[in-house]
N, C-alpha and C. Protein backbone atom coordinates (compact mmCIF):
# COMPACT_ATOMS: atom_id res chain seq x y z
N MET A 1 21.49 -113.64 -5.90
CA MET A 1 21.56 -114.47 -7.09
C MET A 1 21.96 -113.58 -8.27
N ASN A 2 22.98 -114.00 -9.01
CA ASN A 2 23.42 -113.19 -10.14
C ASN A 2 22.58 -113.49 -11.39
N ALA A 3 22.82 -112.74 -12.46
CA ALA A 3 22.01 -112.85 -13.67
C ALA A 3 22.08 -114.24 -14.30
N THR A 4 23.24 -114.84 -14.29
CA THR A 4 23.39 -116.18 -14.88
C THR A 4 22.59 -117.20 -14.08
N GLU A 5 22.67 -117.14 -12.76
CA GLU A 5 21.94 -118.08 -11.91
C GLU A 5 20.43 -117.91 -12.11
N SER A 6 19.96 -116.68 -12.18
CA SER A 6 18.53 -116.42 -12.43
C SER A 6 18.10 -116.96 -13.78
N TYR A 7 18.94 -116.75 -14.79
CA TYR A 7 18.64 -117.22 -16.15
C TYR A 7 18.49 -118.75 -16.15
N ILE A 8 19.41 -119.45 -15.51
CA ILE A 8 19.36 -120.92 -15.49
C ILE A 8 18.09 -121.38 -14.80
N GLU A 9 17.75 -120.80 -13.65
CA GLU A 9 16.52 -121.18 -12.96
C GLU A 9 15.30 -120.94 -13.83
N LYS A 10 15.24 -119.78 -14.45
CA LYS A 10 14.08 -119.40 -15.26
C LYS A 10 13.91 -120.31 -16.47
N HIS A 11 15.00 -120.65 -17.15
CA HIS A 11 14.91 -121.35 -18.42
C HIS A 11 15.05 -122.87 -18.35
N PHE A 12 15.56 -123.40 -17.23
CA PHE A 12 15.84 -124.84 -17.22
C PHE A 12 15.17 -125.62 -16.09
N ALA A 13 14.58 -124.96 -15.11
CA ALA A 13 13.92 -125.68 -14.02
C ALA A 13 12.78 -126.56 -14.56
N SER A 14 11.98 -126.03 -15.47
CA SER A 14 10.85 -126.80 -16.00
C SER A 14 11.32 -127.96 -16.87
N LEU A 15 12.43 -127.78 -17.59
CA LEU A 15 12.99 -128.88 -18.38
C LEU A 15 13.39 -130.03 -17.46
N LEU A 16 14.07 -129.71 -16.37
CA LEU A 16 14.46 -130.75 -15.41
C LEU A 16 13.23 -131.43 -14.80
N GLU A 17 12.21 -130.64 -14.48
CA GLU A 17 10.99 -131.21 -13.90
C GLU A 17 10.34 -132.20 -14.86
N SER A 18 10.40 -131.93 -16.15
CA SER A 18 9.81 -132.84 -17.14
C SER A 18 10.53 -134.19 -17.16
N TYR A 19 11.74 -134.25 -16.64
CA TYR A 19 12.49 -135.50 -16.55
C TYR A 19 12.46 -136.08 -15.13
N GLY A 20 11.69 -135.46 -14.24
CA GLY A 20 11.55 -135.98 -12.88
C GLY A 20 12.56 -135.46 -11.88
N PHE A 21 13.22 -134.33 -12.22
CA PHE A 21 14.23 -133.76 -11.33
C PHE A 21 13.84 -132.36 -10.89
N GLU A 22 14.39 -131.95 -9.76
CA GLU A 22 14.17 -130.62 -9.23
C GLU A 22 15.50 -129.86 -9.23
N LEU A 23 15.48 -128.64 -9.70
CA LEU A 23 16.65 -127.77 -9.60
C LEU A 23 16.61 -127.11 -8.23
N VAL A 24 17.49 -127.54 -7.33
CA VAL A 24 17.49 -127.07 -5.95
C VAL A 24 18.22 -125.74 -5.83
N ASP A 25 19.37 -125.64 -6.49
CA ASP A 25 20.19 -124.44 -6.37
C ASP A 25 21.11 -124.33 -7.58
N VAL A 26 21.56 -123.11 -7.86
CA VAL A 26 22.47 -122.83 -8.96
C VAL A 26 23.57 -121.91 -8.44
N GLU A 27 24.81 -122.19 -8.83
CA GLU A 27 25.94 -121.31 -8.52
C GLU A 27 26.71 -121.06 -9.81
N TYR A 28 27.06 -119.81 -10.04
CA TYR A 28 27.95 -119.47 -11.14
C TYR A 28 29.02 -118.56 -10.57
N ARG A 29 30.27 -119.05 -10.57
CA ARG A 29 31.34 -118.24 -9.99
C ARG A 29 32.68 -118.59 -10.59
N LYS A 30 33.58 -117.66 -10.40
CA LYS A 30 34.94 -117.84 -10.87
C LYS A 30 35.78 -118.36 -9.71
N GLU A 31 36.53 -119.41 -9.98
CA GLU A 31 37.44 -119.99 -8.99
C GLU A 31 38.78 -120.18 -9.67
N GLY A 32 39.79 -119.54 -9.15
CA GLY A 32 41.07 -119.55 -9.83
C GLY A 32 40.89 -118.84 -11.16
N GLY A 33 41.29 -119.46 -12.23
CA GLY A 33 41.13 -118.86 -13.55
C GLY A 33 39.93 -119.39 -14.32
N ASP A 34 39.13 -120.26 -13.70
CA ASP A 34 38.02 -120.90 -14.41
C ASP A 34 36.67 -120.48 -13.85
N TYR A 35 35.68 -120.47 -14.74
CA TYR A 35 34.29 -120.24 -14.33
C TYR A 35 33.60 -121.59 -14.17
N PHE A 36 32.79 -121.70 -13.12
CA PHE A 36 32.05 -122.93 -12.85
C PHE A 36 30.55 -122.62 -12.79
N LEU A 37 29.77 -123.43 -13.47
CA LEU A 37 28.31 -123.40 -13.37
C LEU A 37 27.92 -124.69 -12.66
N ARG A 38 27.49 -124.56 -11.41
CA ARG A 38 27.13 -125.72 -10.60
C ARG A 38 25.61 -125.77 -10.41
N LEU A 39 25.07 -126.93 -10.71
CA LEU A 39 23.64 -127.16 -10.52
C LEU A 39 23.48 -128.23 -9.45
N PHE A 40 22.67 -127.95 -8.46
CA PHE A 40 22.37 -128.89 -7.41
C PHE A 40 20.95 -129.39 -7.64
N CYS A 41 20.82 -130.67 -7.90
CA CYS A 41 19.53 -131.23 -8.31
C CYS A 41 19.15 -132.40 -7.42
N ASP A 42 17.86 -132.69 -7.39
CA ASP A 42 17.34 -133.83 -6.65
C ASP A 42 16.20 -134.43 -7.45
N ARG A 43 15.74 -135.58 -7.05
CA ARG A 43 14.57 -136.18 -7.68
C ARG A 43 13.31 -135.52 -7.11
N LEU A 44 12.30 -135.39 -7.95
CA LEU A 44 11.04 -134.81 -7.48
C LEU A 44 10.31 -135.75 -6.52
N ALA A 45 10.40 -137.04 -6.75
CA ALA A 45 9.73 -138.01 -5.88
C ALA A 45 10.37 -137.95 -4.50
N GLU A 46 9.55 -137.73 -3.49
CA GLU A 46 10.06 -137.53 -2.13
C GLU A 46 10.75 -138.77 -1.57
N ASP A 47 10.40 -139.95 -2.05
CA ASP A 47 11.01 -141.18 -1.52
C ASP A 47 12.21 -141.64 -2.34
N GLU A 48 12.69 -140.82 -3.28
CA GLU A 48 13.84 -141.15 -4.11
C GLU A 48 14.90 -140.07 -3.97
N HIS A 49 16.15 -140.49 -4.16
CA HIS A 49 17.27 -139.54 -4.10
C HIS A 49 18.09 -139.64 -5.37
N ILE A 50 18.69 -138.54 -5.73
CA ILE A 50 19.50 -138.48 -6.93
C ILE A 50 20.77 -139.31 -6.75
N ASP A 51 21.25 -139.91 -7.84
CA ASP A 51 22.49 -140.68 -7.78
C ASP A 51 23.43 -140.21 -8.88
N LEU A 52 24.59 -140.83 -8.96
CA LEU A 52 25.61 -140.43 -9.92
C LEU A 52 25.11 -140.54 -11.37
N ASN A 53 24.37 -141.60 -11.68
CA ASN A 53 23.84 -141.77 -13.04
C ASN A 53 22.88 -140.63 -13.39
N ASP A 54 22.08 -140.20 -12.42
CA ASP A 54 21.17 -139.07 -12.64
C ASP A 54 21.97 -137.80 -12.93
N CYS A 55 23.02 -137.58 -12.17
CA CYS A 55 23.85 -136.38 -12.37
C CYS A 55 24.47 -136.38 -13.75
N GLU A 56 24.94 -137.54 -14.21
CA GLU A 56 25.51 -137.64 -15.56
C GLU A 56 24.44 -137.35 -16.61
N LYS A 57 23.24 -137.87 -16.40
CA LYS A 57 22.14 -137.66 -17.34
C LYS A 57 21.79 -136.17 -17.44
N ILE A 58 21.70 -135.52 -16.28
CA ILE A 58 21.38 -134.08 -16.25
C ILE A 58 22.50 -133.28 -16.90
N ASN A 59 23.74 -133.66 -16.65
CA ASN A 59 24.87 -132.95 -17.23
C ASN A 59 24.81 -133.01 -18.76
N ARG A 60 24.55 -134.19 -19.31
CA ARG A 60 24.44 -134.32 -20.78
C ARG A 60 23.26 -133.52 -21.31
N LEU A 61 22.11 -133.67 -20.66
CA LEU A 61 20.89 -132.99 -21.09
C LEU A 61 21.06 -131.47 -21.09
N LEU A 62 21.54 -130.93 -19.97
CA LEU A 62 21.69 -129.48 -19.86
C LEU A 62 22.88 -128.96 -20.66
N GLY A 63 23.93 -129.76 -20.76
CA GLY A 63 25.09 -129.35 -21.56
C GLY A 63 24.67 -129.07 -22.99
N GLU A 64 23.88 -129.97 -23.56
CA GLU A 64 23.38 -129.79 -24.93
C GLU A 64 22.44 -128.60 -25.02
N ALA A 65 21.54 -128.49 -24.06
CA ALA A 65 20.57 -127.39 -24.08
C ALA A 65 21.27 -126.03 -23.93
N LEU A 66 22.26 -125.96 -23.06
CA LEU A 66 22.99 -124.70 -22.86
C LEU A 66 23.76 -124.31 -24.12
N ASP A 67 24.34 -125.29 -24.79
CA ASP A 67 25.10 -125.02 -26.01
C ASP A 67 24.23 -124.44 -27.12
N GLN A 68 22.94 -124.74 -27.09
CA GLN A 68 22.02 -124.27 -28.13
C GLN A 68 21.46 -122.88 -27.86
N ARG A 69 21.63 -122.36 -26.65
CA ARG A 69 21.06 -121.06 -26.29
C ARG A 69 21.96 -119.93 -26.76
N GLU A 70 21.42 -119.06 -27.57
CA GLU A 70 22.19 -117.91 -28.03
C GLU A 70 22.12 -116.74 -27.06
N ASP A 71 21.12 -116.74 -26.18
CA ASP A 71 20.96 -115.64 -25.23
C ASP A 71 21.55 -115.95 -23.85
N LEU A 72 22.33 -117.03 -23.76
CA LEU A 72 22.96 -117.41 -22.50
C LEU A 72 23.87 -116.29 -22.02
N PRO A 73 23.70 -115.83 -20.77
CA PRO A 73 24.51 -114.70 -20.29
C PRO A 73 25.95 -115.06 -19.94
N ILE A 74 26.38 -116.26 -20.27
CA ILE A 74 27.76 -116.69 -20.02
C ILE A 74 28.57 -116.42 -21.29
N LYS A 75 29.63 -115.69 -21.13
CA LYS A 75 30.53 -115.40 -22.25
C LYS A 75 31.84 -116.14 -22.00
N GLY A 76 32.23 -116.97 -22.93
CA GLY A 76 33.48 -117.71 -22.77
C GLY A 76 33.26 -119.09 -22.19
N ALA A 77 34.36 -119.74 -21.88
CA ALA A 77 34.34 -121.11 -21.39
C ALA A 77 33.92 -121.19 -19.92
N TYR A 78 33.29 -122.29 -19.58
CA TYR A 78 32.91 -122.56 -18.19
C TYR A 78 32.85 -124.07 -18.01
N ARG A 79 32.88 -124.50 -16.77
CA ARG A 79 32.76 -125.93 -16.45
C ARG A 79 31.38 -126.16 -15.85
N LEU A 80 30.67 -127.12 -16.39
CA LEU A 80 29.35 -127.49 -15.89
C LEU A 80 29.50 -128.65 -14.92
N GLU A 81 29.00 -128.47 -13.70
CA GLU A 81 29.00 -129.52 -12.70
C GLU A 81 27.58 -129.73 -12.20
N VAL A 82 27.18 -130.99 -12.09
CA VAL A 82 25.86 -131.33 -11.56
C VAL A 82 26.09 -132.20 -10.33
N SER A 83 25.40 -131.85 -9.25
CA SER A 83 25.63 -132.52 -7.98
C SER A 83 24.32 -132.67 -7.21
N SER A 84 24.36 -133.56 -6.23
CA SER A 84 23.30 -133.69 -5.25
C SER A 84 23.36 -132.48 -4.31
N PRO A 85 22.25 -132.07 -3.74
CA PRO A 85 22.31 -130.97 -2.76
C PRO A 85 22.90 -131.42 -1.42
N GLY A 86 23.08 -132.71 -1.22
CA GLY A 86 23.68 -133.22 0.01
C GLY A 86 22.67 -133.41 1.14
N ILE A 87 23.16 -133.97 2.24
CA ILE A 87 22.25 -134.26 3.36
C ILE A 87 21.82 -132.98 4.09
N GLU A 88 22.60 -131.92 3.94
CA GLU A 88 22.21 -130.64 4.53
C GLU A 88 21.75 -129.71 3.42
N ARG A 89 20.80 -130.21 2.67
CA ARG A 89 20.24 -129.54 1.50
C ARG A 89 19.74 -128.13 1.84
N PRO A 90 20.02 -127.16 0.98
CA PRO A 90 19.49 -125.81 1.23
C PRO A 90 17.97 -125.77 1.05
N LEU A 91 17.34 -124.93 1.81
CA LEU A 91 15.90 -124.67 1.69
C LEU A 91 15.76 -123.24 1.23
N LYS A 92 15.19 -123.04 0.05
CA LYS A 92 15.16 -121.72 -0.54
C LYS A 92 13.75 -121.20 -0.80
N LYS A 93 12.87 -122.08 -1.26
CA LYS A 93 11.52 -121.68 -1.63
C LYS A 93 10.52 -122.17 -0.58
N PRO A 94 9.37 -121.51 -0.48
CA PRO A 94 8.35 -121.99 0.46
C PRO A 94 8.05 -123.49 0.28
N GLN A 95 8.05 -123.97 -0.96
CA GLN A 95 7.77 -125.39 -1.22
C GLN A 95 8.82 -126.29 -0.57
N ASP A 96 10.07 -125.82 -0.50
CA ASP A 96 11.12 -126.61 0.17
C ASP A 96 10.80 -126.78 1.65
N PHE A 97 10.41 -125.68 2.29
CA PHE A 97 10.10 -125.72 3.72
C PHE A 97 8.87 -126.60 3.96
N ILE A 98 7.87 -126.46 3.12
CA ILE A 98 6.65 -127.27 3.27
C ILE A 98 6.98 -128.75 3.12
N ARG A 99 7.80 -129.09 2.12
CA ARG A 99 8.17 -130.48 1.86
C ARG A 99 8.90 -131.11 3.05
N PHE A 100 9.72 -130.31 3.75
CA PHE A 100 10.54 -130.87 4.81
C PHE A 100 10.02 -130.54 6.21
N THR A 101 8.72 -130.25 6.33
CA THR A 101 8.10 -130.05 7.64
C THR A 101 8.32 -131.30 8.49
N GLY A 102 8.69 -131.09 9.75
CA GLY A 102 8.97 -132.20 10.65
C GLY A 102 10.45 -132.54 10.75
N GLN A 103 11.27 -131.99 9.87
CA GLN A 103 12.70 -132.27 9.85
C GLN A 103 13.46 -131.25 10.70
N LEU A 104 14.69 -131.60 11.08
CA LEU A 104 15.58 -130.66 11.74
C LEU A 104 16.17 -129.71 10.70
N VAL A 105 16.18 -128.41 11.02
CA VAL A 105 16.73 -127.42 10.11
C VAL A 105 17.60 -126.42 10.88
N SER A 106 18.51 -125.82 10.14
CA SER A 106 19.32 -124.72 10.66
C SER A 106 18.91 -123.48 9.88
N VAL A 107 18.62 -122.40 10.60
CA VAL A 107 18.16 -121.16 9.98
C VAL A 107 19.06 -120.02 10.44
N LYS A 108 19.65 -119.32 9.49
CA LYS A 108 20.43 -118.12 9.79
C LYS A 108 19.55 -116.92 9.48
N LEU A 109 19.52 -115.98 10.41
CA LEU A 109 18.63 -114.83 10.31
C LEU A 109 19.40 -113.56 9.96
N TYR A 110 18.70 -112.64 9.31
CA TYR A 110 19.29 -111.33 9.03
C TYR A 110 19.48 -110.53 10.32
N LYS A 111 18.47 -110.62 11.21
CA LYS A 111 18.52 -109.92 12.49
C LYS A 111 18.33 -110.92 13.62
N ALA A 112 19.04 -110.72 14.68
CA ALA A 112 18.97 -111.63 15.82
C ALA A 112 17.57 -111.64 16.45
N VAL A 113 17.18 -112.82 16.90
CA VAL A 113 15.94 -113.02 17.65
C VAL A 113 16.36 -113.66 18.97
N ASP A 114 15.97 -113.07 20.09
CA ASP A 114 16.40 -113.54 21.41
C ASP A 114 17.93 -113.67 21.47
N SER A 115 18.62 -112.70 20.89
CA SER A 115 20.08 -112.63 20.84
C SER A 115 20.72 -113.73 19.98
N LEU A 116 19.93 -114.42 19.18
CA LEU A 116 20.44 -115.50 18.34
C LEU A 116 20.27 -115.15 16.86
N LYS A 117 21.32 -115.36 16.08
CA LYS A 117 21.22 -115.17 14.63
C LYS A 117 21.13 -116.50 13.89
N THR A 118 21.40 -117.61 14.61
CA THR A 118 21.26 -118.95 14.04
C THR A 118 20.38 -119.77 14.97
N LEU A 119 19.37 -120.40 14.40
CA LEU A 119 18.47 -121.27 15.16
C LEU A 119 18.51 -122.66 14.55
N VAL A 120 18.53 -123.67 15.40
CA VAL A 120 18.46 -125.06 14.96
C VAL A 120 17.29 -125.68 15.68
N GLY A 121 16.40 -126.32 14.92
CA GLY A 121 15.25 -126.94 15.55
C GLY A 121 14.39 -127.68 14.56
N SER A 122 13.27 -128.13 15.05
CA SER A 122 12.32 -128.87 14.23
C SER A 122 11.42 -127.90 13.47
N LEU A 123 11.31 -128.12 12.19
CA LEU A 123 10.44 -127.30 11.34
C LEU A 123 9.02 -127.81 11.55
N GLU A 124 8.28 -127.12 12.42
CA GLU A 124 6.95 -127.59 12.83
C GLU A 124 5.86 -127.24 11.83
N LYS A 125 6.01 -126.08 11.18
CA LYS A 125 4.96 -125.62 10.26
C LYS A 125 5.62 -124.75 9.20
N ALA A 126 5.08 -124.85 7.98
CA ALA A 126 5.53 -123.98 6.90
C ALA A 126 4.37 -123.74 5.95
N ASP A 127 4.26 -122.50 5.49
CA ASP A 127 3.25 -122.16 4.49
C ASP A 127 3.86 -121.13 3.55
N GLU A 128 3.06 -120.48 2.78
CA GLU A 128 3.57 -119.52 1.79
C GLU A 128 4.14 -118.24 2.43
N GLU A 129 3.83 -117.99 3.70
CA GLU A 129 4.27 -116.76 4.37
C GLU A 129 5.53 -116.93 5.20
N GLY A 130 5.67 -118.12 5.84
CA GLY A 130 6.82 -118.31 6.72
C GLY A 130 6.78 -119.65 7.41
N ILE A 131 7.57 -119.77 8.47
CA ILE A 131 7.71 -121.05 9.16
C ILE A 131 7.56 -120.89 10.67
N THR A 132 7.33 -122.02 11.33
CA THR A 132 7.40 -122.11 12.78
C THR A 132 8.48 -123.13 13.10
N LEU A 133 9.46 -122.70 13.90
CA LEU A 133 10.59 -123.53 14.26
C LEU A 133 10.60 -123.71 15.78
N VAL A 134 10.75 -124.96 16.24
CA VAL A 134 10.80 -125.25 17.67
C VAL A 134 12.19 -125.80 17.99
N THR A 135 12.90 -125.13 18.89
CA THR A 135 14.26 -125.53 19.24
C THR A 135 14.23 -126.59 20.35
N SER A 136 15.37 -127.23 20.57
CA SER A 136 15.46 -128.27 21.60
C SER A 136 15.24 -127.71 23.00
N SER A 137 15.47 -126.40 23.18
CA SER A 137 15.24 -125.78 24.49
C SER A 137 13.77 -125.41 24.69
N GLY A 138 12.95 -125.70 23.67
CA GLY A 138 11.52 -125.44 23.78
C GLY A 138 11.06 -124.12 23.24
N GLY A 139 11.99 -123.32 22.72
CA GLY A 139 11.60 -122.04 22.13
C GLY A 139 10.87 -122.24 20.81
N SER A 140 9.84 -121.47 20.60
CA SER A 140 9.06 -121.54 19.37
C SER A 140 9.18 -120.19 18.66
N TYR A 141 9.55 -120.24 17.40
CA TYR A 141 9.78 -119.01 16.63
C TYR A 141 8.97 -119.03 15.35
N GLN A 142 8.18 -117.96 15.17
CA GLN A 142 7.47 -117.76 13.92
C GLN A 142 8.32 -116.80 13.09
N LEU A 143 8.75 -117.27 11.92
CA LEU A 143 9.66 -116.48 11.09
C LEU A 143 9.08 -116.30 9.70
N ALA A 144 9.12 -115.08 9.22
CA ALA A 144 8.75 -114.81 7.83
C ALA A 144 9.94 -115.16 6.95
N TYR A 145 9.69 -115.53 5.72
CA TYR A 145 10.80 -115.86 4.82
C TYR A 145 11.74 -114.67 4.64
N THR A 146 11.21 -113.46 4.74
CA THR A 146 12.05 -112.27 4.60
C THR A 146 13.03 -112.11 5.77
N ASP A 147 12.81 -112.83 6.88
CA ASP A 147 13.72 -112.80 8.03
C ASP A 147 14.90 -113.76 7.86
N ILE A 148 14.75 -114.72 6.94
CA ILE A 148 15.71 -115.82 6.80
C ILE A 148 16.77 -115.49 5.75
N ALA A 149 18.03 -115.46 6.20
CA ALA A 149 19.14 -115.22 5.28
C ALA A 149 19.53 -116.52 4.57
N LYS A 150 19.50 -117.62 5.32
CA LYS A 150 19.90 -118.91 4.76
C LYS A 150 19.29 -120.01 5.62
N ALA A 151 18.87 -121.09 4.98
CA ALA A 151 18.32 -122.23 5.73
C ALA A 151 18.71 -123.53 5.03
N ASN A 152 18.88 -124.55 5.84
CA ASN A 152 19.17 -125.86 5.26
C ASN A 152 18.76 -126.95 6.24
N LEU A 153 18.60 -128.17 5.70
CA LEU A 153 18.35 -129.31 6.57
C LEU A 153 19.56 -129.44 7.49
N TYR A 154 19.32 -129.95 8.69
CA TYR A 154 20.39 -130.08 9.67
C TYR A 154 20.55 -131.55 10.02
N PHE A 155 21.76 -132.01 9.95
CA PHE A 155 22.06 -133.40 10.27
C PHE A 155 22.97 -133.45 11.48
N GLU A 156 22.54 -134.16 12.52
CA GLU A 156 23.37 -134.30 13.73
C GLU A 156 24.28 -135.51 13.54
N PHE A 157 25.59 -135.26 13.63
CA PHE A 157 26.56 -136.35 13.47
C PHE A 157 26.79 -137.06 14.77
């Protein structure tokens, strides 16, 4: 995570929460000749999902708030985009894993386990230390968060 992404998470996650939204992920990168600040947001209520009107609301809210910050680590022009995290939402914090216990997930590991660097299975357990993942072949894996390079919900098409 770069300095701009960390800054946005630190200074704006609680603002979004006060409006009933969760900041799932932040990306700040240059594409072509333009810089993009992308925020992936969802509703805090587990039985609700973000929609286009919510994204527009967050864009206006954060656009104004970002314009007022003098310590913003972004220099120059950028494009602000607000989006849903999608059906294969990233799982980044222990709370994400706990919230989605019982769901199918894909986990990419830093080091291979049983010759596998990617595991897909049911998220059976999650706590502040790590997760237990059970694959369709019956393998059960206890993984610390420090073992996980990337994780997201998994949707079978």
